[in-house]
Amino acid sequence: MGLSLLGQAVAMFVVTNIDDLLILAVFFGRACGEPAAAWRVVAGQYLGLTAILAVSVAGALGAGLLPGSVIPFLGLVPLALGLKAGWDAWRDRGGDDEDATPATAGVLRVAAVTFANGGDNIGVYVPVFAVAGLGGMTVYSAVFLAGTAVWCAAGWFLATRPVIARALSRWGHIALPVVLIAVGLLILAEAL
């Protein structure tokens, strides 16, 4: 179970944070190679992710007050979010996302953008954490914190590789709904 849980945590982090990777690339691009500005981006990303994890863990612990037979039905949340994200991606196909570009790279701005952008992730994390239990939440949290370091490094890398950033921007909106729907269905499968 340990290796399986670790793989699930890595996969969930990657899929639910693809959009964060692109936003990080934009923030790092705006840092213009200034080390202090880059560290503000890193600090803001960690602050935002820590807030997302805190809300998710609190929600999962609150869900622990529910009868065990109800918890798998929390999978309806990521399923609904995935369907909405899929609908939004289909509706906005061919649209331009330039108005969503972050402006500056201050710690609080990066944290706020990370938290706002990851708000939908909370709806995914709460039911997964509730099913995973305390040990599972610890693994997920540790993977997400380590993944953030990788994401920051990758965001910095992408900030200097516009071709890669354009490819992720083009396909990330398709991967997210598919994975959210899959996560929701897997959680619902626990009810069977």
Protein backbone atom coordinates (compact mmCIF):
# COMPACT_ATOMS: atom_id res chain seq x y z
CA MET A 1 0.00 0.00 0.00
CA GLY A 2 2.87 2.41 0.81
CA LEU A 3 4.25 2.52 -2.74
CA SER A 4 0.75 2.63 -4.19
CA LEU A 5 -0.22 5.51 -1.89
CA LEU A 6 2.98 7.34 -2.77
CA GLY A 7 2.25 6.93 -6.49
CA GLN A 8 -1.32 8.13 -6.00
CA ALA A 9 -0.10 11.17 -4.08
CA VAL A 10 2.43 12.04 -6.79
CA ALA A 11 -0.17 11.61 -9.53
CA MET A 12 -2.73 13.72 -7.68
CA PHE A 13 -0.21 16.49 -7.06
CA VAL A 14 0.89 16.57 -10.69
CA VAL A 15 -2.59 16.59 -12.16
CA THR A 16 -4.20 19.02 -9.76
CA ASN A 17 -1.30 21.44 -10.00
CA ILE A 18 -0.54 21.58 -13.73
CA ASP A 19 -2.13 25.01 -13.84
CA ASP A 20 0.07 26.10 -10.91
CA LEU A 21 3.12 25.09 -12.89
CA LEU A 22 2.13 27.47 -15.67
CA ILE A 23 1.36 30.27 -13.23
CA LEU A 24 4.72 29.71 -11.54
CA ALA A 25 6.42 29.97 -14.92
CA VAL A 26 4.72 33.33 -15.43
CA PHE A 27 5.72 34.56 -11.97
CA PHE A 28 9.31 33.43 -12.49
CA GLY A 29 9.32 35.05 -15.91
CA ARG A 30 8.29 38.32 -14.28
CA ALA A 31 11.05 37.92 -11.69
CA CYS A 32 13.43 38.70 -14.56
CA GLY A 33 16.24 36.55 -13.19
CA GLU A 34 16.40 38.51 -9.92
CA PRO A 35 17.19 35.98 -7.14
CA ALA A 36 15.26 37.86 -4.41
CA ALA A 37 12.14 38.00 -6.60
CA ALA A 38 12.47 34.30 -7.40
CA TRP A 39 12.66 33.45 -3.69
CA ARG A 40 9.52 35.53 -3.10
CA VAL A 41 7.76 33.36 -5.68
CA VAL A 42 8.93 30.19 -3.91
CA ALA A 43 7.87 31.51 -0.48
CA GLY A 44 4.47 32.56 -1.81
CA GLN A 45 3.90 29.20 -3.46
CA TYR A 46 4.67 27.38 -0.21
CA LEU A 47 2.46 29.75 1.79
CA GLY A 48 -0.47 29.23 -0.59
CA LEU A 49 -0.04 25.45 -0.69
CA THR A 50 0.24 25.25 3.10
CA ALA A 51 -3.08 27.10 3.39
CA ILE A 52 -4.69 24.71 0.88
CA LEU A 53 -3.37 21.69 2.81
CA ALA A 54 -4.54 23.11 6.16
CA VAL A 55 -8.08 23.67 4.87
CA SER A 56 -8.09 20.23 3.20
CA VAL A 57 -6.90 18.40 6.32
CA ALA A 58 -9.42 20.26 8.49
CA GLY A 59 -12.16 19.37 6.02
CA ALA A 60 -11.09 15.73 5.95
CA LEU A 61 -11.01 15.53 9.73
CA GLY A 62 -14.47 17.10 9.81
CA ALA A 63 -15.62 14.54 7.28
CA GLY A 64 -14.41 11.94 9.76
CA LEU A 65 -17.42 12.86 11.85
CA LEU A 66 -19.62 11.43 9.10
CA PRO A 67 -20.65 7.76 9.07
CA GLY A 68 -18.12 5.64 7.18
CA SER A 69 -20.69 4.63 4.58
CA VAL A 70 -21.16 8.29 3.55
CA ILE A 71 -17.48 9.21 3.04
CA PRO A 72 -17.08 7.56 -0.38
CA PHE A 73 -19.93 9.74 -1.66
CA LEU A 74 -17.68 12.75 -1.12
CA GLY A 75 -16.29 11.59 -4.47
CA LEU A 76 -19.20 13.50 -5.99
CA VAL A 77 -17.26 16.73 -5.26
CA PRO A 78 -14.24 16.07 -7.53
CA LEU A 79 -16.56 14.43 -10.05
CA ALA A 80 -18.67 17.58 -10.20
CA LEU A 81 -15.55 19.77 -10.33
CA GLY A 82 -14.18 17.64 -13.17
CA LEU A 83 -17.42 17.87 -15.10
CA LYS A 84 -17.47 21.64 -14.58
CA ALA A 85 -13.82 21.98 -15.61
CA GLY A 86 -14.53 19.85 -18.68
CA TRP A 87 -17.56 21.98 -19.53
CA ASP A 88 -15.52 25.17 -19.05
CA ALA A 89 -12.69 23.82 -21.23
CA TRP A 90 -15.16 22.86 -23.95
CA ARG A 91 -17.04 26.17 -23.72
CA ASP A 92 -13.85 28.24 -23.73
CA ARG A 93 -12.07 26.28 -26.47
CA GLY A 94 -10.08 28.64 -28.61
CA GLY A 95 -10.29 31.36 -25.95
CA ASP A 96 -7.44 33.49 -24.73
CA ASP A 97 -6.29 33.30 -21.10
CA GLU A 98 -4.00 36.32 -21.13
CA ASP A 99 -6.27 38.24 -18.75
CA ALA A 100 -5.55 35.60 -16.06
CA THR A 101 -1.82 36.36 -16.06
CA PRO A 102 -0.48 37.35 -12.62
CA ALA A 103 0.98 40.83 -12.37
CA THR A 104 3.89 40.87 -9.89
CA ALA A 105 5.89 38.37 -7.89
CA GLY A 106 5.36 39.39 -4.23
CA VAL A 107 5.05 36.67 -1.57
CA LEU A 108 1.46 37.52 -0.65
CA ARG A 109 0.37 37.90 -4.26
CA VAL A 110 1.84 34.51 -5.19
CA ALA A 111 0.25 32.95 -2.08
CA ALA A 112 -3.14 34.49 -2.87
CA VAL A 113 -3.02 33.36 -6.49
CA THR A 114 -1.90 29.88 -5.41
CA PHE A 115 -4.71 29.61 -2.87
CA ALA A 116 -7.36 31.00 -5.21
CA ASN A 117 -6.17 28.82 -8.07
CA GLY A 118 -6.04 25.78 -5.76
CA GLY A 119 -9.46 26.36 -4.24
CA ASP A 120 -10.91 23.68 -6.48
CA ASN A 121 -8.13 21.35 -5.32
CA ILE A 122 -9.57 21.51 -1.81
CA GLY A 123 -12.74 19.90 -3.14
CA VAL A 124 -10.59 17.04 -4.44
CA TYR A 125 -8.25 16.73 -1.48
CA VAL A 126 -10.89 16.64 1.28
CA PRO A 127 -12.60 13.41 0.18
CA VAL A 128 -9.30 11.76 -0.77
CA PHE A 129 -7.76 12.70 2.59
CA ALA A 130 -10.89 11.52 4.43
CA VAL A 131 -10.63 8.10 2.78
CA ALA A 132 -6.83 7.96 3.22
CA GLY A 133 -6.89 8.52 6.99
CA LEU A 134 -4.26 10.25 9.11
CA GLY A 135 -1.31 8.25 7.77
CA GLY A 136 -2.43 8.79 4.19
CA MET A 137 -2.90 12.53 4.77
CA THR A 138 0.65 12.67 6.09
CA VAL A 139 1.97 10.97 2.94
CA TYR A 140 -0.09 13.22 0.65
CA SER A 141 1.04 16.35 2.51
CA ALA A 142 4.70 15.35 2.42
CA VAL A 143 4.50 14.55 -1.30
CA PHE A 144 2.73 17.85 -2.01
CA LEU A 145 5.36 19.82 -0.10
CA ALA A 146 8.19 18.01 -1.90
CA GLY A 147 6.33 18.36 -5.19
CA THR A 148 6.14 22.10 -4.66
CA ALA A 149 9.94 22.28 -4.68
CA VAL A 150 9.98 20.34 -7.95
CA TRP A 151 7.22 22.59 -9.33
CA CYS A 152 9.16 25.71 -8.41
CA ALA A 153 12.27 24.39 -10.16
CA ALA A 154 10.19 23.36 -13.18
CA GLY A 155 8.42 26.73 -13.22
CA TRP A 156 11.78 28.46 -13.28
CA PHE A 157 12.87 26.16 -16.10
CA LEU A 158 9.66 26.79 -18.06
CA ALA A 159 10.03 30.53 -17.62
CA THR A 160 13.08 30.26 -19.85
CA ARG A 161 11.47 27.80 -22.35
CA PRO A 162 8.41 29.44 -24.00
CA VAL A 163 7.76 26.49 -26.34
CA ILE A 164 7.26 24.10 -23.39
CA ALA A 165 5.05 26.60 -21.56
CA ARG A 166 2.82 26.92 -24.64
CA ALA A 167 2.43 23.13 -24.92
CA LEU A 168 1.43 22.77 -21.25
CA SER A 169 -0.92 25.68 -21.60
CA ARG A 170 -2.53 24.00 -24.60
CA TRP A 171 -3.16 20.56 -23.02
CA GLY A 172 -3.33 21.19 -19.25
CA HIS A 173 -6.97 22.26 -19.41
CA ILE A 174 -7.89 18.88 -20.93
CA ALA A 175 -5.94 16.71 -18.48
CA LEU A 176 -7.40 18.35 -15.37
CA PRO A 177 -11.09 17.52 -16.00
CA VAL A 178 -10.25 13.95 -17.00
CA VAL A 179 -8.29 13.33 -13.82
CA LEU A 180 -10.83 15.04 -11.56
CA ILE A 181 -13.58 12.85 -12.99
CA ALA A 182 -11.39 9.76 -12.54
CA VAL A 183 -10.60 10.70 -8.92
CA GLY A 184 -14.30 11.22 -8.20
CA LEU A 185 -15.22 7.88 -9.74
CA LEU A 186 -12.47 6.07 -7.81
CA ILE A 187 -13.68 7.54 -4.54
CA LEU A 188 -17.27 6.64 -5.39
CA ALA A 189 -16.11 3.09 -6.14
CA GLU A 190 -15.37 2.79 -2.41
CA ALA A 191 -19.16 2.82 -1.88
CA LEU A 192 -19.65 -0.33 -3.91
